[in-house]
PDB file of N, CA and C in Angstrom:
ATOM      1  N   MET A   1     -86.243  30.325  78.409  1.00  0.00           N
ATOM      2  CA  MET A   1     -85.151  30.143  77.748  1.00  0.00           C
ATOM      3  C   MET A   1     -85.280  30.476  76.200  1.00  0.00           C
ATOM      4  N   GLU A   2     -84.331  31.364  75.658  1.00  0.00           N
ATOM      5  CA  GLU A   2     -84.414  31.547  74.445  1.00  0.00           C
ATOM      6  C   GLU A   2     -83.776  30.653  73.530  1.00  0.00           C
ATOM      7  N   ASN A   3     -84.425  30.492  72.297  1.00  0.00           N
ATOM      8  CA  ASN A   3     -83.942  29.555  71.267  1.00  0.00           C
ATOM      9  C   ASN A   3     -83.245  30.435  70.150  1.00  0.00           C
ATOM     10  N   CYS A   4     -82.150  30.268  69.906  1.00  0.00           N
ATOM     11  CA  CYS A   4     -81.612  31.226  68.600  1.00  0.00           C
ATOM     12  C   CYS A   4     -82.062  31.016  67.401  1.00  0.00           C
ATOM     13  N   TYR A   5     -82.378  29.721  67.082  1.00  0.00           N
ATOM     14  CA  TYR A   5     -82.905  29.117  65.786  1.00  0.00           C
ATOM     15  C   TYR A   5     -84.234  29.700  65.509  1.00  0.00           C
ATOM     16  N   ILE A   6     -85.397  29.686  66.731  1.00  0.00           N
ATOM     17  CA  ILE A   6     -86.610  30.274  66.494  1.00  0.00           C
ATOM     18  C   ILE A   6     -86.530  31.919  66.377  1.00  0.00           C
ATOM     19  N   GLU A   7     -85.616  32.369  67.127  1.00  0.00           N
ATOM     20  CA  GLU A   7     -85.443  33.811  67.093  1.00  0.00           C
ATOM     21  C   GLU A   7     -84.977  34.399  65.648  1.00  0.00           C
ATOM     22  N   SER A   8     -84.247  33.613  65.072  1.00  0.00           N
ATOM     23  CA  SER A   8     -83.658  33.999  63.866  1.00  0.00           C
ATOM     24  C   SER A   8     -84.501  34.045  62.722  1.00  0.00           C
ATOM     25  N   PHE A   9     -85.324  32.689  62.929  1.00  0.00           N
ATOM     26  CA  PHE A   9     -86.668  32.558  61.827  1.00  0.00           C
ATOM     27  C   PHE A   9     -87.667  33.688  62.229  1.00  0.00           C
ATOM     28  N   ASN A  10     -87.836  34.190  63.391  1.00  0.00           N
ATOM     29  CA  ASN A  10     -88.802  35.412  63.782  1.00  0.00           C
ATOM     30  C   ASN A  10     -88.464  36.247  62.933  1.00  0.00           C
ATOM     31  N   GLY A  11     -87.152  36.604  63.228  1.00  0.00           N
ATOM     32  CA  GLY A  11     -86.524  37.944  62.508  1.00  0.00           C
ATOM     33  C   GLY A  11     -86.717  38.094  61.260  1.00  0.00           C
ATOM     34  N   ARG A  12     -86.357  36.701  60.541  1.00  0.00           N
ATOM     35  CA  ARG A  12     -86.434  36.853  59.096  1.00  0.00           C
ATOM     36  C   ARG A  12     -88.010  36.876  58.722  1.00  0.00           C
ATOM     37  N   LEU A  13     -89.059  36.383  59.142  1.00  0.00           N
ATOM     38  CA  LEU A  13     -90.327  36.497  58.839  1.00  0.00           C
ATOM     39  C   LEU A  13     -90.640  37.775  58.888  1.00  0.00           C
ATOM     40  N   ARG A  14     -90.424  38.468  60.245  1.00  0.00           N
ATOM     41  CA  ARG A  14     -90.804  40.044  60.106  1.00  0.00           C
ATOM     42  C   ARG A  14     -90.224  40.689  59.368  1.00  0.00           C
ATOM     43  N   ASP A  15     -88.841  40.722  58.958  1.00  0.00           N
ATOM     44  CA  ASP A  15     -88.095  41.759  58.103  1.00  0.00           C
ATOM     45  C   ASP A  15     -88.579  41.314  56.598  1.00  0.00           C
ATOM     46  N   GLU A  16     -88.655  40.154  56.054  1.00  0.00           N
ATOM     47  CA  GLU A  16     -89.003  39.759  54.994  1.00  0.00           C
ATOM     48  C   GLU A  16     -90.320  39.596  54.473  1.00  0.00           C
ATOM     49  N   CYS A  17     -91.250  39.687  55.551  1.00  0.00           N
ATOM     50  CA  CYS A  17     -92.738  39.315  54.975  1.00  0.00           C
ATOM     51  C   CYS A  17     -93.693  40.344  55.657  1.00  0.00           C
ATOM     52  N   LEU A  18     -93.473  40.404  57.109  1.00  0.00           N
ATOM     53  CA  LEU A  18     -94.502  41.391  57.780  1.00  0.00           C
ATOM     54  C   LEU A  18     -94.324  42.583  57.556  1.00  0.00           C
ATOM     55  N   ASN A  19     -93.000  43.076  57.430  1.00  0.00           N
ATOM     56  CA  ASN A  19     -92.630  44.312  57.371  1.00  0.00           C
ATOM     57  C   ASN A  19     -92.765  44.967  55.982  1.00  0.00           C
ATOM     58  N   VAL A  20     -92.921  44.066  55.088  1.00  0.00           N
ATOM     59  CA  VAL A  20     -92.978  44.318  53.519  1.00  0.00           C
ATOM     60  C   VAL A  20     -94.212  44.469  52.865  1.00  0.00           C
ATOM     61  N   GLU A  21     -95.023  43.590  53.566  1.00  0.00           N
ATOM     62  CA  GLU A  21     -96.532  43.165  52.841  1.00  0.00           C
ATOM     63  C   GLU A  21     -97.548  44.132  53.350  1.00  0.00           C
ATOM     64  N   VAL A  22     -98.483  44.348  52.673  1.00  0.00           N
ATOM     65  CA  VAL A  22     -99.731  45.138  53.628  1.00  0.00           C
ATOM     66  C   VAL A  22    -100.744  44.033  53.087  1.00  0.00           C
ATOM     67  N   PHE A  23    -101.279  43.789  54.248  1.00  0.00           N
ATOM     68  CA  PHE A  23    -102.582  42.690  54.374  1.00  0.00           C
ATOM     69  C   PHE A  23    -103.835  43.405  54.254  1.00  0.00           C
ATOM     70  N   PHE A  24    -104.993  42.865  53.192  1.00  0.00           N
ATOM     71  CA  PHE A  24    -106.378  43.403  53.451  1.00  0.00           C
ATOM     72  C   PHE A  24    -107.236  42.879  54.011  1.00  0.00           C
ATOM     73  N   ALA A  25    -107.181  41.376  54.094  1.00  0.00           N
ATOM     74  CA  ALA A  25    -108.123  40.626  54.625  1.00  0.00           C
ATOM     75  C   ALA A  25    -107.389  39.266  54.988  1.00  0.00           C
ATOM     76  N   LEU A  26    -108.000  38.432  55.664  1.00  0.00           N
ATOM     77  CA  LEU A  26    -107.428  37.124  56.410  1.00  0.00           C
ATOM     78  C   LEU A  26    -107.033  36.272  55.426  1.00  0.00           C
ATOM     79  N   ILE A  27    -107.800  36.075  54.306  1.00  0.00           N
ATOM     80  CA  ILE A  27    -107.466  35.268  53.164  1.00  0.00           C
ATOM     81  C   ILE A  27    -106.040  36.029  52.541  1.00  0.00           C
ATOM     82  N   ASP A  28    -105.974  37.292  52.495  1.00  0.00           N
ATOM     83  CA  ASP A  28    -104.809  37.848  52.007  1.00  0.00           C
ATOM     84  C   ASP A  28    -103.597  37.283  52.555  1.00  0.00           C
ATOM     85  N   VAL A  29    -103.786  37.632  54.050  1.00  0.00           N
ATOM     86  CA  VAL A  29    -102.700  37.250  55.148  1.00  0.00           C
ATOM     87  C   VAL A  29    -102.181  35.737  54.778  1.00  0.00           C
ATOM     88  N   ARG A  30    -103.209  34.591  54.808  1.00  0.00           N
ATOM     89  CA  ARG A  30    -102.765  33.335  54.629  1.00  0.00           C
ATOM     90  C   ARG A  30    -102.107  33.224  53.139  1.00  0.00           C
ATOM     91  N   ASP A  31    -102.565  33.894  51.968  1.00  0.00           N
ATOM     92  CA  ASP A  31    -102.002  33.581  50.718  1.00  0.00           C
ATOM     93  C   ASP A  31    -100.493  34.200  50.598  1.00  0.00           C
ATOM     94  N   LYS A  32    -100.396  35.208  51.370  1.00  0.00           N
ATOM     95  CA  LYS A  32     -99.169  35.855  51.285  1.00  0.00           C
ATOM     96  C   LYS A  32     -97.928  35.197  51.965  1.00  0.00           C
ATOM     97  N   LEU A  33     -98.338  34.731  53.387  1.00  0.00           N
ATOM     98  CA  LEU A  33     -97.615  34.027  54.124  1.00  0.00           C
ATOM     99  C   LEU A  33     -97.231  32.321  53.750  1.00  0.00           C
ATOM    100  N   GLU A  34     -98.204  31.924  52.973  1.00  0.00           N
ATOM    101  CA  GLU A  34     -97.890  30.604  52.502  1.00  0.00           C
ATOM    102  C   GLU A  34     -96.984  30.765  51.044  1.00  0.00           C
ATOM    103  N   ARG A  35     -97.063  31.971  50.296  1.00  0.00           N
ATOM    104  CA  ARG A  35     -96.114  32.029  49.454  1.00  0.00           C
ATOM    105  C   ARG A  35     -94.673  32.477  49.961  1.00  0.00           C
ATOM    106  N   TRP A  36     -94.627  33.194  50.880  1.00  0.00           N
ATOM    107  CA  TRP A  36     -93.300  33.295  51.786  1.00  0.00           C
ATOM    108  C   TRP A  36     -92.721  32.027  52.212  1.00  0.00           C
ATOM    109  N   ARG A  37     -93.591  31.210  52.914  1.00  0.00           N
ATOM    110  CA  ARG A  37     -93.187  29.967  53.543  1.00  0.00           C
ATOM    111  C   ARG A  37     -92.602  29.082  52.658  1.00  0.00           C
ATOM    112  N   ARG A  38     -93.246  28.765  51.319  1.00  0.00           N
ATOM    113  CA  ARG A  38     -92.752  28.275  50.314  1.00  0.00           C
ATOM    114  C   ARG A  38     -91.192  28.396  49.611  1.00  0.00           C
ATOM    115  N   ASP A  39     -91.409  29.589  49.518  1.00  0.00           N
ATOM    116  CA  ASP A  39     -89.955  30.426  49.026  1.00  0.00           C
ATOM    117  C   ASP A  39     -89.007  30.073  50.374  1.00  0.00           C
ATOM    118  N   TYR A  40     -89.310  30.321  51.505  1.00  0.00           N
ATOM    119  CA  TYR A  40     -88.085  30.067  52.583  1.00  0.00           C
ATOM    120  C   TYR A  40     -87.955  28.467  52.621  1.00  0.00           C
ATOM    121  N   ASN A  41     -88.733  27.470  52.501  1.00  0.00           N
ATOM    122  CA  ASN A  41     -88.565  26.232  52.773  1.00  0.00           C
ATOM    123  C   ASN A  41     -87.992  25.507  51.468  1.00  0.00           C
ATOM    124  N   GLN A  42     -88.309  26.019  50.407  1.00  0.00           N
ATOM    125  CA  GLN A  42     -88.181  25.363  49.135  1.00  0.00           C
ATOM    126  C   GLN A  42     -87.066  26.026  48.193  1.00  0.00           C
ATOM    127  N   VAL A  43     -87.113  27.384  47.948  1.00  0.00           N
ATOM    128  CA  VAL A  43     -86.288  28.035  46.966  1.00  0.00           C
ATOM    129  C   VAL A  43     -85.069  28.879  47.835  1.00  0.00           C
ATOM    130  N   ARG A  44     -85.159  29.345  48.523  1.00  0.00           N
ATOM    131  CA  ARG A  44     -84.047  30.327  49.230  1.00  0.00           C
ATOM    132  C   ARG A  44     -82.914  29.211  49.729  1.00  0.00           C
ATOM    133  N   PRO A  45     -81.733  29.919  49.523  1.00  0.00           N
ATOM    134  CA  PRO A  45     -80.537  28.857  50.068  1.00  0.00           C
ATOM    135  C   PRO A  45     -80.498  29.303  51.507  1.00  0.00           C
ATOM    136  N   HIS A  46     -79.935  28.167  52.122  1.00  0.00           N
ATOM    137  CA  HIS A  46     -79.854  27.780  53.773  1.00  0.00           C
ATOM    138  C   HIS A  46     -78.276  27.655  53.911  1.00  0.00           C
ATOM    139  N   SER A  47     -77.621  28.378  54.868  1.00  0.00           N
ATOM    140  CA  SER A  47     -76.348  28.200  55.233  1.00  0.00           C
ATOM    141  C   SER A  47     -76.105  26.721  55.726  1.00  0.00           C
ATOM    142  N   ALA A  48     -77.207  26.251  56.460  1.00  0.00           N
ATOM    143  CA  ALA A  48     -76.923  25.104  57.120  1.00  0.00           C
ATOM    144  C   ALA A  48     -76.977  23.793  56.105  1.00  0.00           C
ATOM    145  N   LEU A  49     -77.407  24.298  54.650  1.00  0.00           N
ATOM    146  CA  LEU A  49     -77.425  23.286  53.664  1.00  0.00           C
ATOM    147  C   LEU A  49     -76.279  23.432  52.623  1.00  0.00           C
ATOM    148  N   ARG A  50     -75.235  23.859  53.213  1.00  0.00           N
ATOM    149  CA  ARG A  50     -74.049  24.527  52.324  1.00  0.00           C
ATOM    150  C   ARG A  50     -74.453  25.316  51.120  1.00  0.00           C
ATOM    151  N   ASP A  51     -75.305  26.392  51.638  1.00  0.00           N
ATOM    152  CA  ASP A  51     -76.000  27.757  50.829  1.00  0.00           C
ATOM    153  C   ASP A  51     -76.824  27.015  49.589  1.00  0.00           C
ATOM    154  N   SER A  52     -77.260  26.005  49.962  1.00  0.00           N
ATOM    155  CA  SER A  52     -78.248  25.560  48.822  1.00  0.00           C
ATOM    156  C   SER A  52     -79.823  25.394  49.216  1.00  0.00           C
ATOM    157  N   ALA A  53     -80.387  25.517  48.178  1.00  0.00           N
ATOM    158  CA  ALA A  53     -81.955  25.578  48.468  1.00  0.00           C
ATOM    159  C   ALA A  53     -82.259  24.154  49.066  1.00  0.00           C
ATOM    160  N   PRO A  54     -83.488  24.138  49.738  1.00  0.00           N
ATOM    161  CA  PRO A  54     -83.400  22.863  50.413  1.00  0.00           C
ATOM    162  C   PRO A  54     -84.173  21.731  49.573  1.00  0.00           C
ATOM    163  N   ALA A  55     -84.842  22.095  48.482  1.00  0.00           N
ATOM    164  CA  ALA A  55     -85.146  21.098  47.451  1.00  0.00           C
ATOM    165  C   ALA A  55     -84.178  20.739  46.394  1.00  0.00           C
ATOM    166  N   VAL A  56     -83.181  21.556  46.317  1.00  0.00           N
ATOM    167  CA  VAL A  56     -81.904  20.970  45.573  1.00  0.00           C
ATOM    168  C   VAL A  56     -81.162  20.122  46.647  1.00  0.00           C
ATOM    169  N   PHE A  57     -80.976  20.627  47.819  1.00  0.00           N
ATOM    170  CA  PHE A  57     -80.270  19.895  48.735  1.00  0.00           C
ATOM    171  C   PHE A  57     -81.031  18.410  48.746  1.00  0.00           C
ATOM    172  N   ALA A  58     -82.265  18.189  49.036  1.00  0.00           N
ATOM    173  CA  ALA A  58     -82.911  16.905  49.099  1.00  0.00           C
ATOM    174  C   ALA A  58     -82.623  16.213  47.638  1.00  0.00           C
ATOM    175  N   ALA A  59     -82.861  16.827  46.705  1.00  0.00           N
ATOM    176  CA  ALA A  59     -82.577  16.173  45.417  1.00  0.00           C
ATOM    177  C   ALA A  59     -81.065  15.548  45.363  1.00  0.00           C
ATOM    178  N   GLN A  60     -80.083  16.425  45.633  1.00  0.00           N
ATOM    179  CA  GLN A  60     -78.736  15.610  45.689  1.00  0.00           C
ATOM    180  C   GLN A  60     -78.792  14.736  46.724  1.00  0.00           C
ATOM    181  N   LEU A  61     -79.255  14.899  48.056  1.00  0.00           N
ATOM    182  CA  LEU A  61     -79.353  13.511  48.754  1.00  0.00           C
ATOM    183  C   LEU A  61     -79.592  12.539  48.410  1.00  0.00           C
ATOM    184  N   THR A  62     -81.072  12.276  47.565  1.00  0.00           N
ATOM    185  CA  THR A  62     -81.475  11.078  47.223  1.00  0.00           C
ATOM    186  C   THR A  62     -80.486  10.447  46.039  1.00  0.00           C
ATOM    187  N   VAL A  63     -80.157  11.286  45.217  1.00  0.00           N
ATOM    188  CA  VAL A  63     -79.068  10.650  44.044  1.00  0.00           C
ATOM    189  C   VAL A  63     -77.659  10.336  45.058  1.00  0.00           C
ATOM    190  N   THR A  64     -77.059  10.875  45.934  1.00  0.00           N
ATOM    191  CA  THR A  64     -75.973  10.566  46.474  1.00  0.00           C
ATOM    192  C   THR A  64     -76.361   9.302  47.662  1.00  0.00           C
ATOM    193  N   ALA A  65     -77.391   8.935  47.807  1.00  0.00           N
ATOM    194  CA  ALA A  65     -77.537   7.983  49.170  1.00  0.00           C
ATOM    195  C   ALA A  65     -77.494   6.634  48.360  1.00  0.00           C
ATOM    196  N   ALA A  66     -76.773   5.904  49.223  1.00  0.00           N
ATOM    197  CA  ALA A  66     -76.407   4.350  48.683  1.00  0.00           C
ATOM    198  C   ALA A  66     -77.967   3.752  48.562  1.00  0.00           C
ATOM    199  N   PRO A  67     -78.175   3.170  47.340  1.00  0.00           N
ATOM    200  CA  PRO A  67     -79.120   2.409  47.296  1.00  0.00           C
ATOM    201  C   PRO A  67     -79.430   1.141  47.865  1.00  0.00           C
ATOM    202  N   GLY A  68     -80.206   0.300  48.055  1.00  0.00           N
ATOM    203  CA  GLY A  68     -80.491  -0.703  48.579  1.00  0.00           C
ATOM    204  C   GLY A  68     -81.031  -0.895  50.185  1.00  0.00           C
ATOM    205  N   PRO A  69     -81.582  -1.919  50.565  1.00  0.00           N
ATOM    206  CA  PRO A  69     -82.196  -2.028  51.758  1.00  0.00           C
ATOM    207  C   PRO A  69     -81.198  -1.734  52.971  1.00  0.00           C
ATOM    208  N   GLU A  70     -81.724  -1.422  54.201  1.00  0.00           N
ATOM    209  CA  GLU A  70     -81.022  -1.392  55.347  1.00  0.00           C
ATOM    210  C   GLU A  70     -80.617  -2.776  55.864  1.00  0.00           C
ATOM    211  N   PRO A  71     -79.281  -2.948  56.259  1.00  0.00           N
ATOM    212  CA  PRO A  71     -78.832  -4.277  56.775  1.00  0.00           C
ATOM    213  C   PRO A  71     -79.765  -4.607  58.002  1.00  0.00           C
ATOM    214  N   VAL A  72     -79.879  -5.934  57.955  1.00  0.00           N
ATOM    215  CA  VAL A  72     -80.636  -6.538  58.911  1.00  0.00           C
ATOM    216  C   VAL A  72     -79.796  -7.158  60.144  1.00  0.00           C
ATOM    217  N   PRO A  73     -79.895  -6.931  61.362  1.00  0.00           N
ATOM    218  CA  PRO A  73     -79.124  -7.364  62.177  1.00  0.00           C
ATOM    219  C   PRO A  73     -79.284  -9.024  62.528  1.00  0.00           C
ATOM    220  N   ASP A  74     -77.990  -9.498  62.597  1.00  0.00           N
ATOM    221  CA  ASP A  74     -77.980 -10.961  62.645  1.00  0.00           C
ATOM    222  C   ASP A  74     -78.329 -11.497  64.059  1.00  0.00           C
ATOM    223  N   ARG A  75     -79.283 -12.308  64.245  1.00  0.00           N
ATOM    224  CA  ARG A  75     -80.058 -12.607  65.384  1.00  0.00           C
ATOM    225  C   ARG A  75     -79.688 -14.144  65.495  1.00  0.00           C
ATOM    226  N   THR A  76     -78.903 -14.684  64.894  1.00  0.00           N
ATOM    227  CA  THR A  76     -78.681 -16.076  64.942  1.00  0.00           C
ATOM    228  C   THR A  76     -77.569 -16.488  65.670  1.00  0.00           C
ATOM    229  N   ARG A  77     -76.666 -15.463  66.185  1.00  0.00           N
ATOM    230  CA  ARG A  77     -75.550 -15.756  67.009  1.00  0.00           C
ATOM    231  C   ARG A  77     -76.153 -16.030  68.643  1.00  0.00           C
ATOM    232  N   LYS A  78     -75.460 -16.842  69.164  1.00  0.00           N
ATOM    233  CA  LYS A  78     -75.665 -17.093  70.460  1.00  0.00           C
ATOM    234  C   LYS A  78     -74.772 -16.396  71.561  1.00  0.00           C
ATOM    235  N   PRO A  79     -75.357 -16.080  72.654  1.00  0.00           N
ATOM    236  CA  PRO A  79     -74.395 -15.402  73.433  1.00  0.00           C
ATOM    237  C   PRO A  79     -73.158 -15.922  73.926  1.00  0.00           C
ATOM    238  N   ALA A  80     -72.214 -15.381  74.236  1.00  0.00           N
ATOM    239  CA  ALA A  80     -70.846 -15.808  74.532  1.00  0.00           C
ATOM    240  C   ALA A  80     -70.898 -16.630  75.944  1.00  0.00           C
ATOM    241  N   ALA A  81     -70.132 -17.566  76.131  1.00  0.00           N
ATOM    242  CA  ALA A  81     -70.024 -18.551  76.994  1.00  0.00           C
ATOM    243  C   ALA A  81     -69.938 -17.590  78.353  1.00  0.00           C
ATOM    244  N   GLY A  82     -70.793 -17.921  79.452  1.00  0.00           N
ATOM    245  CA  GLY A  82     -70.645 -17.122  80.746  1.00  0.00           C
ATOM    246  C   GLY A  82     -71.267 -16.183  80.672  1.00  0.00           C
ATOM    247  N   ASN A  83     -71.827 -15.585  79.726  1.00  0.00           N
ATOM    248  CA  ASN A  83     -72.823 -14.468  79.630  1.00  0.00           C
ATOM    249  C   ASN A  83     -74.139 -14.923  80.127  1.00  0.00           C
ATOM    250  N   SER A  84     -74.693 -14.232  81.221  1.00  0.00           N
ATOM    251  CA  SER A  84     -75.814 -14.515  82.089  1.00  0.00           C
ATOM    252  C   SER A  84     -77.183 -13.968  81.393  1.00  0.00           C
ATOM    253  N   LEU A  85     -77.000 -12.895  80.568  1.00  0.00           N
ATOM    254  CA  LEU A  85     -78.240 -12.216  79.943  1.00  0.00           C
ATOM    255  C   LEU A  85     -78.342 -12.711  78.565  1.00  0.00           C
ATOM    256  N   GLU A  86     -79.593 -13.078  78.411  1.00  0.00           N
ATOM    257  CA  GLU A  86     -79.627 -13.475  76.752  1.00  0.00           C
ATOM    258  C   GLU A  86     -80.854 -12.489  76.474  1.00  0.00           C
ATOM    259  N   ILE A  87     -80.948 -11.809  75.280  1.00  0.00           N
ATOM    260  CA  ILE A  87     -81.942 -11.093  74.767  1.00  0.00           C
ATOM    261  C   ILE A  87     -82.876 -11.936  73.899  1.00  0.00           C
ATOM    262  N   LEU A  88     -84.075 -11.885  74.227  1.00  0.00           N
ATOM    263  CA  LEU A  88     -85.202 -12.862  73.504  1.00  0.00           C
ATOM    264  C   LEU A  88     -85.886 -11.836  72.714  1.00  0.00           C
ATOM    265  N   THR A  89     -85.929 -12.158  71.421  1.00  0.00           N
ATOM    266  CA  THR A  89     -86.979 -11.327  70.464  1.00  0.00           C
ATOM    267  C   THR A  89     -87.881 -12.156  69.952  1.00  0.00           C
TER     268      THR A  89
END
């Protein structure tokens, strides 16, 4: 089964890195792929993130997120009368 997301990523990797770079040794391959990966994951805009870079989107998300702890469910309530199931925690 084909996955459109991975196929799109593979095409970008091939077009933007593998077809452009010349590799001389394994360490050179690792270095150039790591630089491309950082650019892809942190710098370049992504349409899924409203055309912003992932690092910028993450920073905006932490600023706009509501501060404070998550609400704790109320476990002091008793089950309704006639309810035969009781959840024990």
